[in-house]
Amino acid sequence: MTESSARQWHQRLREMLMVLLAAGVLCLLTMVVSTCDPIVSRPLAPQKVCMANLLNVGHAINVYARQNQGRFPPNLGTLRNQHLLQPVYLVCPTSGTEPVNGDFVYDYVYIPGQSQDALPTNVLVYEKQPYHDDGGNVLFADLHVEYIAPYSRVEELVAETEARLADKD
């Protein structure tokens, strides 16, 4: 075997190994993606979508508060009107709520008159009714979201918040 044919053979062997390596990596990636795909593409449960909606509402409220000396907005419409929040985040996916005469109808109730210094246990936004089993999602004044069941407990928390706000005035 001449030196030139040995180089050609060595070059060919290296190219074949690179093709085999690339095919192996591609095969491995295909296996990983195919096993992860059901996890990644599975839709969120409606109750989780509501929680995510309320987290988005909380984020928008926080942005508004930073621009307004720590005060929370007077209503949810203000967030929408100032383009801080899209209307889709104000609707529960299981409620079937649609705009009425072009006006937006929200599935969440906002308790105004609060600010960033409110008690963390104060309810800020909650679902109008128990759209998910017997409970509801609640956004608290510290901007965390919890699923509370039964819904009567949501109503108790709302009443406690409203009483604290009335005492403050």
N, C-alpha and C. Protein backbone atom coordinates (compact mmCIF):
# COMPACT_ATOMS: atom_id res chain seq x y z
N MET A 1 0.85 -1.16 0.00
CA MET A 1 0.00 0.00 0.00
C MET A 1 0.90 1.23 0.00
N THR A 2 0.63 2.11 -0.94
CA THR A 2 1.43 3.33 -1.02
C THR A 2 0.96 4.34 0.03
N GLU A 3 1.80 5.34 0.22
CA GLU A 3 1.46 6.36 1.22
C GLU A 3 0.21 7.11 0.83
N SER A 4 0.05 7.40 -0.44
CA SER A 4 -1.13 8.15 -0.91
C SER A 4 -2.40 7.31 -0.76
N SER A 5 -2.34 6.02 -1.04
CA SER A 5 -3.54 5.19 -0.88
C SER A 5 -3.84 4.99 0.61
N ALA A 6 -2.83 4.96 1.46
CA ALA A 6 -3.05 4.86 2.90
C ALA A 6 -3.75 6.10 3.43
N ARG A 7 -3.35 7.27 2.94
CA ARG A 7 -4.02 8.52 3.34
C ARG A 7 -5.47 8.52 2.88
N GLN A 8 -5.73 8.09 1.67
CA GLN A 8 -7.10 8.05 1.16
C GLN A 8 -7.95 7.08 1.99
N TRP A 9 -7.36 5.92 2.30
CA TRP A 9 -8.08 4.95 3.11
C TRP A 9 -8.37 5.52 4.51
N HIS A 10 -7.38 6.18 5.10
CA HIS A 10 -7.54 6.78 6.42
C HIS A 10 -8.60 7.90 6.39
N GLN A 11 -8.56 8.72 5.33
CA GLN A 11 -9.55 9.80 5.17
C GLN A 11 -10.95 9.21 5.02
N ARG A 12 -11.07 8.17 4.24
CA ARG A 12 -12.37 7.52 4.02
C ARG A 12 -12.90 6.92 5.34
N LEU A 13 -12.01 6.28 6.09
CA LEU A 13 -12.39 5.70 7.37
C LEU A 13 -12.87 6.79 8.33
N ARG A 14 -12.16 7.93 8.38
CA ARG A 14 -12.56 9.03 9.24
C ARG A 14 -13.93 9.58 8.83
N GLU A 15 -14.20 9.72 7.54
CA GLU A 15 -15.50 10.20 7.06
C GLU A 15 -16.62 9.22 7.45
N MET A 16 -16.36 7.92 7.31
CA MET A 16 -17.37 6.93 7.68
C MET A 16 -17.65 6.97 9.17
N LEU A 17 -16.61 7.14 9.99
CA LEU A 17 -16.81 7.25 11.43
C LEU A 17 -17.61 8.50 11.79
N MET A 18 -17.36 9.59 11.11
CA MET A 18 -18.11 10.81 11.36
C MET A 18 -19.59 10.63 10.99
N VAL A 19 -19.86 9.94 9.89
CA VAL A 19 -21.24 9.67 9.49
C VAL A 19 -21.92 8.79 10.53
N LEU A 20 -21.21 7.74 10.99
CA LEU A 20 -21.77 6.86 12.02
C LEU A 20 -22.02 7.62 13.32
N LEU A 21 -21.09 8.49 13.70
CA LEU A 21 -21.26 9.29 14.91
C LEU A 21 -22.47 10.22 14.77
N ALA A 22 -22.59 10.88 13.65
CA ALA A 22 -23.72 11.78 13.42
C ALA A 22 -25.04 11.00 13.45
N ALA A 23 -25.05 9.83 12.85
CA ALA A 23 -26.27 9.00 12.84
C ALA A 23 -26.61 8.56 14.27
N GLY A 24 -25.59 8.21 15.05
CA GLY A 24 -25.83 7.82 16.44
C GLY A 24 -26.39 8.97 17.26
N VAL A 25 -25.83 10.15 17.10
CA VAL A 25 -26.32 11.33 17.82
C VAL A 25 -27.75 11.63 17.40
N LEU A 26 -28.04 11.58 16.12
CA LEU A 26 -29.39 11.83 15.62
C LEU A 26 -30.37 10.80 16.18
N CYS A 27 -29.96 9.56 16.22
CA CYS A 27 -30.81 8.50 16.79
C CYS A 27 -31.08 8.76 18.27
N LEU A 28 -30.05 9.13 19.00
CA LEU A 28 -30.20 9.42 20.43
C LEU A 28 -31.13 10.61 20.64
N LEU A 29 -30.95 11.67 19.87
CA LEU A 29 -31.84 12.84 19.99
C LEU A 29 -33.29 12.48 19.67
N THR A 30 -33.48 11.65 18.67
CA THR A 30 -34.84 11.22 18.31
C THR A 30 -35.48 10.46 19.47
N MET A 31 -34.72 9.60 20.10
CA MET A 31 -35.26 8.84 21.24
C MET A 31 -35.60 9.77 22.39
N VAL A 32 -34.74 10.73 22.69
CA VAL A 32 -34.99 11.66 23.79
C VAL A 32 -36.23 12.50 23.51
N VAL A 33 -36.31 13.05 22.31
CA VAL A 33 -37.46 13.89 21.96
C VAL A 33 -38.75 13.08 21.98
N SER A 34 -38.71 11.86 21.47
CA SER A 34 -39.94 11.06 21.42
C SER A 34 -40.42 10.67 22.82
N THR A 35 -39.49 10.50 23.76
CA THR A 35 -39.93 10.17 25.12
C THR A 35 -40.38 11.41 25.87
N CYS A 36 -39.86 12.58 25.53
CA CYS A 36 -40.25 13.81 26.22
C CYS A 36 -41.47 14.46 25.60
N ASP A 37 -41.73 14.21 24.33
CA ASP A 37 -42.79 14.90 23.62
C ASP A 37 -44.15 14.84 24.31
N PRO A 38 -44.62 13.68 24.81
CA PRO A 38 -45.92 13.69 25.48
C PRO A 38 -45.94 14.60 26.71
N ILE A 39 -44.83 14.70 27.41
CA ILE A 39 -44.77 15.55 28.59
C ILE A 39 -44.82 17.01 28.17
N VAL A 40 -44.06 17.36 27.15
CA VAL A 40 -43.97 18.75 26.71
C VAL A 40 -45.26 19.21 26.06
N SER A 41 -45.90 18.36 25.28
CA SER A 41 -47.05 18.79 24.50
C SER A 41 -48.38 18.60 25.21
N ARG A 42 -48.37 18.05 26.41
CA ARG A 42 -49.62 17.82 27.13
C ARG A 42 -50.23 19.16 27.52
N PRO A 43 -51.51 19.41 27.24
CA PRO A 43 -52.12 20.68 27.61
C PRO A 43 -52.28 20.80 29.12
N LEU A 44 -52.24 22.03 29.60
CA LEU A 44 -52.43 22.28 31.01
C LEU A 44 -53.89 22.07 31.39
N ALA A 45 -54.14 21.62 32.60
CA ALA A 45 -55.50 21.50 33.11
C ALA A 45 -56.08 22.90 33.25
N PRO A 46 -57.38 23.05 33.02
CA PRO A 46 -57.99 24.39 33.10
C PRO A 46 -57.73 25.10 34.43
N GLN A 47 -57.70 24.35 35.53
CA GLN A 47 -57.44 24.97 36.83
C GLN A 47 -56.04 25.57 36.86
N LYS A 48 -55.09 24.91 36.22
CA LYS A 48 -53.72 25.42 36.16
C LYS A 48 -53.64 26.64 35.24
N VAL A 49 -54.45 26.65 34.18
CA VAL A 49 -54.50 27.81 33.29
C VAL A 49 -55.02 29.02 34.06
N CYS A 50 -56.05 28.80 34.90
CA CYS A 50 -56.57 29.88 35.74
C CYS A 50 -55.50 30.41 36.68
N MET A 51 -54.74 29.51 37.28
CA MET A 51 -53.65 29.94 38.16
C MET A 51 -52.64 30.78 37.37
N ALA A 52 -52.32 30.33 36.17
CA ALA A 52 -51.39 31.09 35.33
C ALA A 52 -51.99 32.45 34.96
N ASN A 53 -53.29 32.49 34.68
CA ASN A 53 -53.96 33.76 34.39
C ASN A 53 -53.80 34.72 35.56
N LEU A 54 -54.05 34.21 36.77
CA LEU A 54 -53.95 35.07 37.95
C LEU A 54 -52.50 35.50 38.20
N LEU A 55 -51.54 34.65 37.90
CA LEU A 55 -50.14 35.06 38.01
C LEU A 55 -49.84 36.20 37.04
N ASN A 56 -50.41 36.13 35.83
CA ASN A 56 -50.25 37.22 34.86
C ASN A 56 -50.91 38.49 35.35
N VAL A 57 -52.10 38.36 35.96
CA VAL A 57 -52.77 39.52 36.54
C VAL A 57 -51.88 40.11 37.63
N GLY A 58 -51.33 39.26 38.49
CA GLY A 58 -50.43 39.73 39.54
C GLY A 58 -49.22 40.46 39.00
N HIS A 59 -48.66 39.95 37.92
CA HIS A 59 -47.51 40.61 37.30
C HIS A 59 -47.91 42.00 36.80
N ALA A 60 -49.06 42.08 36.13
CA ALA A 60 -49.53 43.37 35.61
C ALA A 60 -49.81 44.35 36.75
N ILE A 61 -50.40 43.86 37.84
CA ILE A 61 -50.65 44.71 39.01
C ILE A 61 -49.33 45.22 39.58
N ASN A 62 -48.33 44.37 39.63
CA ASN A 62 -47.02 44.76 40.14
C ASN A 62 -46.39 45.84 39.26
N VAL A 63 -46.49 45.68 37.94
CA VAL A 63 -45.95 46.69 37.02
C VAL A 63 -46.67 48.02 37.23
N TYR A 64 -48.00 47.95 37.33
CA TYR A 64 -48.80 49.16 37.57
C TYR A 64 -48.36 49.82 38.88
N ALA A 65 -48.21 49.04 39.93
CA ALA A 65 -47.84 49.58 41.25
C ALA A 65 -46.47 50.26 41.21
N ARG A 66 -45.53 49.68 40.50
CA ARG A 66 -44.20 50.29 40.41
C ARG A 66 -44.26 51.64 39.71
N GLN A 67 -45.24 51.81 38.81
CA GLN A 67 -45.39 53.07 38.09
C GLN A 67 -46.27 54.07 38.85
N ASN A 68 -46.90 53.64 39.96
CA ASN A 68 -47.88 54.47 40.66
C ASN A 68 -47.66 54.48 42.17
N GLN A 69 -46.44 54.70 42.58
CA GLN A 69 -46.07 54.84 44.00
C GLN A 69 -46.60 53.71 44.88
N GLY A 70 -46.59 52.49 44.37
CA GLY A 70 -46.98 51.32 45.15
C GLY A 70 -48.48 51.06 45.22
N ARG A 71 -49.28 51.93 44.64
CA ARG A 71 -50.74 51.72 44.65
C ARG A 71 -51.14 50.72 43.58
N PHE A 72 -52.06 49.85 43.94
CA PHE A 72 -52.62 48.92 42.97
C PHE A 72 -53.68 49.64 42.15
N PRO A 73 -54.01 49.15 40.96
CA PRO A 73 -54.96 49.85 40.09
C PRO A 73 -56.37 49.91 40.70
N PRO A 74 -57.18 50.87 40.23
CA PRO A 74 -58.54 50.97 40.74
C PRO A 74 -59.44 49.82 40.30
N ASN A 75 -59.10 49.19 39.17
CA ASN A 75 -59.90 48.07 38.66
C ASN A 75 -59.08 47.29 37.63
N LEU A 76 -59.60 46.14 37.23
CA LEU A 76 -58.89 45.31 36.25
C LEU A 76 -58.90 45.94 34.86
N GLY A 77 -59.95 46.70 34.57
CA GLY A 77 -60.04 47.38 33.27
C GLY A 77 -58.88 48.33 33.04
N THR A 78 -58.38 48.92 34.11
CA THR A 78 -57.24 49.84 34.00
C THR A 78 -56.02 49.10 33.45
N LEU A 79 -55.81 47.89 33.91
CA LEU A 79 -54.68 47.09 33.41
C LEU A 79 -54.84 46.81 31.92
N ARG A 80 -56.07 46.50 31.52
CA ARG A 80 -56.35 46.23 30.11
C ARG A 80 -56.19 47.50 29.29
N ASN A 81 -56.72 48.61 29.78
CA ASN A 81 -56.68 49.87 29.04
C ASN A 81 -55.26 50.41 28.90
N GLN A 82 -54.41 50.13 29.86
CA GLN A 82 -53.02 50.58 29.79
C GLN A 82 -52.11 49.55 29.11
N HIS A 83 -52.72 48.54 28.52
CA HIS A 83 -52.00 47.50 27.78
C HIS A 83 -51.00 46.75 28.64
N LEU A 84 -51.32 46.62 29.92
CA LEU A 84 -50.49 45.83 30.82
C LEU A 84 -50.96 44.38 30.90
N LEU A 85 -52.19 44.14 30.43
CA LEU A 85 -52.78 42.81 30.53
C LEU A 85 -53.73 42.57 29.37
N GLN A 86 -53.59 41.43 28.73
CA GLN A 86 -54.51 41.06 27.65
C GLN A 86 -55.81 40.51 28.25
N PRO A 87 -56.95 40.79 27.63
CA PRO A 87 -58.23 40.32 28.16
C PRO A 87 -58.32 38.81 28.33
N VAL A 88 -57.57 38.05 27.56
CA VAL A 88 -57.62 36.59 27.66
C VAL A 88 -57.24 36.11 29.06
N TYR A 89 -56.42 36.89 29.77
CA TYR A 89 -56.00 36.50 31.12
C TYR A 89 -57.06 36.77 32.18
N LEU A 90 -58.16 37.36 31.77
CA LEU A 90 -59.24 37.68 32.70
C LEU A 90 -60.42 36.73 32.56
N VAL A 91 -60.22 35.65 31.82
CA VAL A 91 -61.29 34.69 31.57
C VAL A 91 -60.82 33.29 31.95
N CYS A 92 -61.66 32.59 32.72
CA CYS A 92 -61.38 31.21 33.07
C CYS A 92 -61.70 30.32 31.87
N PRO A 93 -60.83 29.39 31.51
CA PRO A 93 -61.08 28.56 30.33
C PRO A 93 -62.29 27.64 30.46
N THR A 94 -62.73 27.35 31.67
CA THR A 94 -63.89 26.46 31.82
C THR A 94 -65.20 27.21 31.96
N SER A 95 -65.15 28.54 32.03
CA SER A 95 -66.39 29.29 32.26
C SER A 95 -67.24 29.45 31.01
N GLY A 96 -66.62 29.44 29.85
CA GLY A 96 -67.36 29.68 28.62
C GLY A 96 -67.73 31.14 28.43
N THR A 97 -67.11 32.03 29.18
CA THR A 97 -67.40 33.46 29.10
C THR A 97 -67.01 34.03 27.75
N GLU A 98 -67.90 34.80 27.18
CA GLU A 98 -67.66 35.49 25.92
C GLU A 98 -67.95 36.97 26.11
N PRO A 99 -67.34 37.86 25.31
CA PRO A 99 -67.67 39.28 25.40
C PRO A 99 -69.17 39.51 25.13
N VAL A 100 -69.75 40.43 25.87
CA VAL A 100 -71.17 40.77 25.71
C VAL A 100 -71.24 42.15 25.07
N ASN A 101 -71.85 42.22 23.87
CA ASN A 101 -71.95 43.48 23.12
C ASN A 101 -70.59 44.17 22.99
N GLY A 102 -69.55 43.39 22.80
CA GLY A 102 -68.21 43.94 22.64
C GLY A 102 -67.52 44.29 23.95
N ASP A 103 -68.26 44.26 25.07
CA ASP A 103 -67.67 44.55 26.37
C ASP A 103 -67.08 43.27 26.94
N PHE A 104 -65.98 43.42 27.63
CA PHE A 104 -65.36 42.26 28.23
C PHE A 104 -66.03 41.93 29.55
N VAL A 105 -66.29 40.66 29.75
CA VAL A 105 -66.84 40.17 31.00
C VAL A 105 -65.75 39.34 31.65
N TYR A 106 -65.40 39.68 32.88
CA TYR A 106 -64.31 39.01 33.56
C TYR A 106 -64.83 37.89 34.44
N ASP A 107 -64.05 36.83 34.57
CA ASP A 107 -64.39 35.72 35.46
C ASP A 107 -63.74 35.89 36.83
N TYR A 108 -63.01 36.97 37.00
CA TYR A 108 -62.31 37.21 38.25
C TYR A 108 -62.81 38.50 38.88
N VAL A 109 -62.84 38.51 40.20
CA VAL A 109 -63.28 39.68 40.95
C VAL A 109 -62.04 40.32 41.60
N TYR A 110 -61.94 41.62 41.44
CA TYR A 110 -60.82 42.39 41.99
C TYR A 110 -61.31 43.17 43.21
N ILE A 111 -60.52 43.17 44.26
CA ILE A 111 -60.85 43.94 45.46
C ILE A 111 -59.95 45.17 45.47
N PRO A 112 -60.52 46.34 45.13
CA PRO A 112 -59.70 47.56 45.03
C PRO A 112 -59.36 48.15 46.39
N GLY A 113 -58.57 49.24 46.33
CA GLY A 113 -58.23 49.97 47.55
C GLY A 113 -57.04 49.41 48.28
N GLN A 114 -56.20 48.65 47.60
CA GLN A 114 -55.03 48.04 48.24
C GLN A 114 -53.76 48.55 47.56
N SER A 115 -52.64 48.27 48.20
CA SER A 115 -51.35 48.68 47.67
C SER A 115 -50.31 47.63 48.03
N GLN A 116 -49.07 47.91 47.64
CA GLN A 116 -48.00 46.95 47.89
C GLN A 116 -47.76 46.70 49.37
N ASP A 117 -48.22 47.61 50.25
CA ASP A 117 -48.02 47.39 51.68
C ASP A 117 -49.20 46.68 52.34
N ALA A 118 -50.12 46.15 51.55
CA ALA A 118 -51.26 45.41 52.10
C ALA A 118 -50.78 44.12 52.77
N LEU A 119 -51.59 43.62 53.68
CA LEU A 119 -51.26 42.34 54.32
C LEU A 119 -51.17 41.25 53.26
N PRO A 120 -50.17 40.38 53.35
CA PRO A 120 -50.03 39.31 52.35
C PRO A 120 -51.23 38.36 52.32
N THR A 121 -51.98 38.30 53.41
CA THR A 121 -53.15 37.41 53.47
C THR A 121 -54.40 38.03 52.85
N ASN A 122 -54.32 39.29 52.45
CA ASN A 122 -55.47 39.92 51.80
C ASN A 122 -55.69 39.32 50.42
N VAL A 123 -56.94 39.07 50.11
CA VAL A 123 -57.31 38.61 48.77
C VAL A 123 -57.30 39.83 47.85
N LEU A 124 -56.68 39.68 46.69
CA LEU A 124 -56.64 40.76 45.71
C LEU A 124 -57.57 40.46 44.53
N VAL A 125 -57.48 39.23 44.02
CA VAL A 125 -58.32 38.80 42.90
C VAL A 125 -58.73 37.35 43.16
N TYR A 126 -59.98 37.03 42.84
CA TYR A 126 -60.45 35.65 43.01
C TYR A 126 -61.47 35.31 41.93
N GLU A 127 -61.71 34.01 41.76
CA GLU A 127 -62.69 33.57 40.77
C GLU A 127 -64.10 33.85 41.28
N LYS A 128 -64.96 34.32 40.38
CA LYS A 128 -66.34 34.68 40.75
C LYS A 128 -67.12 33.51 41.34
N GLN A 129 -66.84 32.34 40.85
CA GLN A 129 -67.56 31.15 41.30
C GLN A 129 -66.63 29.95 41.20
N PRO A 130 -67.02 28.83 41.79
CA PRO A 130 -66.13 27.65 41.75
C PRO A 130 -66.16 26.96 40.38
N TYR A 131 -65.33 27.45 39.47
CA TYR A 131 -65.26 26.86 38.13
C TYR A 131 -64.57 25.50 38.14
N HIS A 132 -63.79 25.22 39.16
CA HIS A 132 -62.98 24.00 39.21
C HIS A 132 -63.38 23.19 40.43
N ASP A 133 -64.17 22.18 40.22
CA ASP A 133 -64.66 21.33 41.30
C ASP A 133 -65.36 22.22 42.33
N ASP A 134 -64.93 22.14 43.58
CA ASP A 134 -65.60 22.92 44.62
C ASP A 134 -64.72 24.03 45.16
N GLY A 135 -63.72 24.46 44.41
CA GLY A 135 -62.81 25.48 44.91
C GLY A 135 -62.59 26.58 43.91
N GLY A 136 -61.68 27.47 44.25
CA GLY A 136 -61.36 28.57 43.36
C GLY A 136 -59.94 29.04 43.56
N ASN A 137 -59.40 29.65 42.52
CA ASN A 137 -58.06 30.21 42.57
C ASN A 137 -58.13 31.62 43.14
N VAL A 138 -57.13 31.96 43.94
CA VAL A 138 -57.08 33.26 44.59
C VAL A 138 -55.69 33.86 44.42
N LEU A 139 -55.67 35.15 44.03
CA LEU A 139 -54.43 35.93 44.00
C LEU A 139 -54.41 36.78 45.26
N PHE A 140 -53.38 36.60 46.06
CA PHE A 140 -53.26 37.34 47.31
C PHE A 140 -52.46 38.62 47.09
N ALA A 141 -52.50 39.52 48.08
CA ALA A 141 -51.85 40.82 47.96
C ALA A 141 -50.34 40.73 47.80
N ASP A 142 -49.73 39.64 48.25
CA ASP A 142 -48.29 39.46 48.03
C ASP A 142 -48.02 38.84 46.66
N LEU A 143 -49.07 38.71 45.85
CA LEU A 143 -49.03 38.29 44.45
C LEU A 143 -48.74 36.80 44.26
N HIS A 144 -49.00 35.98 45.28
CA HIS A 144 -48.93 34.53 45.07
C HIS A 144 -50.36 34.02 44.84
N VAL A 145 -50.47 32.89 44.17
CA VAL A 145 -51.76 32.31 43.81
C VAL A 145 -51.91 30.96 44.50
N GLU A 146 -53.11 30.72 45.02
CA GLU A 146 -53.42 29.42 45.64
C GLU A 146 -54.78 28.94 45.16
N TYR A 147 -54.91 27.63 45.08
CA TYR A 147 -56.21 27.01 44.86
C TYR A 147 -56.79 26.73 46.25
N ILE A 148 -57.97 27.28 46.53
CA ILE A 148 -58.60 27.16 47.83
C ILE A 148 -59.90 26.36 47.68
N ALA A 149 -60.04 25.32 48.50
CA ALA A 149 -61.28 24.53 48.51
C ALA A 149 -61.65 24.26 49.95
N PRO A 150 -62.92 24.24 50.21
CA PRO A 150 -64.05 24.49 49.33
C PRO A 150 -64.19 25.99 49.04
N TYR A 151 -65.07 26.30 48.08
CA TYR A 151 -65.24 27.69 47.67
C TYR A 151 -65.75 28.56 48.81
N SER A 152 -66.44 27.98 49.76
CA SER A 152 -66.90 28.76 50.91
C SER A 152 -65.72 29.36 51.67
N ARG A 153 -64.56 28.71 51.63
CA ARG A 153 -63.35 29.25 52.27
C ARG A 153 -62.87 30.48 51.50
N VAL A 154 -63.00 30.48 50.18
CA VAL A 154 -62.66 31.66 49.37
C VAL A 154 -63.54 32.82 49.82
N GLU A 155 -64.84 32.55 49.98
CA GLU A 155 -65.77 33.59 50.40
C GLU A 155 -65.41 34.13 51.79
N GLU A 156 -64.97 33.27 52.68
CA GLU A 156 -64.54 33.70 54.01
C GLU A 156 -63.30 34.61 53.92
N LEU A 157 -62.33 34.22 53.10
CA LEU A 157 -61.13 35.02 52.94
C LEU A 157 -61.45 36.39 52.36
N VAL A 158 -62.37 36.43 51.40
CA VAL A 158 -62.80 37.69 50.80
C VAL A 158 -63.46 38.57 51.86
N ALA A 159 -64.35 37.99 52.66
CA ALA A 159 -65.03 38.75 53.72
C ALA A 159 -64.02 39.30 54.73
N GLU A 160 -63.04 38.50 55.10
CA GLU A 160 -62.00 38.96 56.04
C GLU A 160 -61.21 40.12 55.45
N THR A 161 -60.87 40.02 54.16
CA THR A 161 -60.13 41.10 53.49
C THR A 161 -60.95 42.37 53.45
N GLU A 162 -62.22 42.24 53.06
CA GLU A 162 -63.09 43.42 52.98
C GLU A 162 -63.28 44.05 54.36
N ALA A 163 -63.37 43.24 55.41
CA ALA A 163 -63.50 43.78 56.77
C ALA A 163 -62.24 44.55 57.17
N ARG A 164 -61.05 44.01 56.85
CA ARG A 164 -59.80 44.71 57.16
C ARG A 164 -59.72 46.03 56.41
N LEU A 165 -60.15 46.04 55.17
CA LEU A 165 -60.10 47.27 54.38
C LEU A 165 -61.11 48.29 54.91
N ALA A 166 -62.26 47.83 55.36
CA ALA A 166 -63.27 48.74 55.93
C ALA A 166 -62.75 49.34 57.23
N ASP A 167 -62.07 48.54 58.04
CA ASP A 167 -61.51 49.04 59.30
C ASP A 167 -60.41 50.06 59.05
N LYS A 168 -59.70 49.91 57.95
CA LYS A 168 -58.59 50.81 57.62
C LYS A 168 -59.12 52.22 57.28
N ASP A 169 -60.31 52.27 56.69
CA ASP A 169 -60.90 53.56 56.29
C ASP A 169 -61.43 54.28 57.45
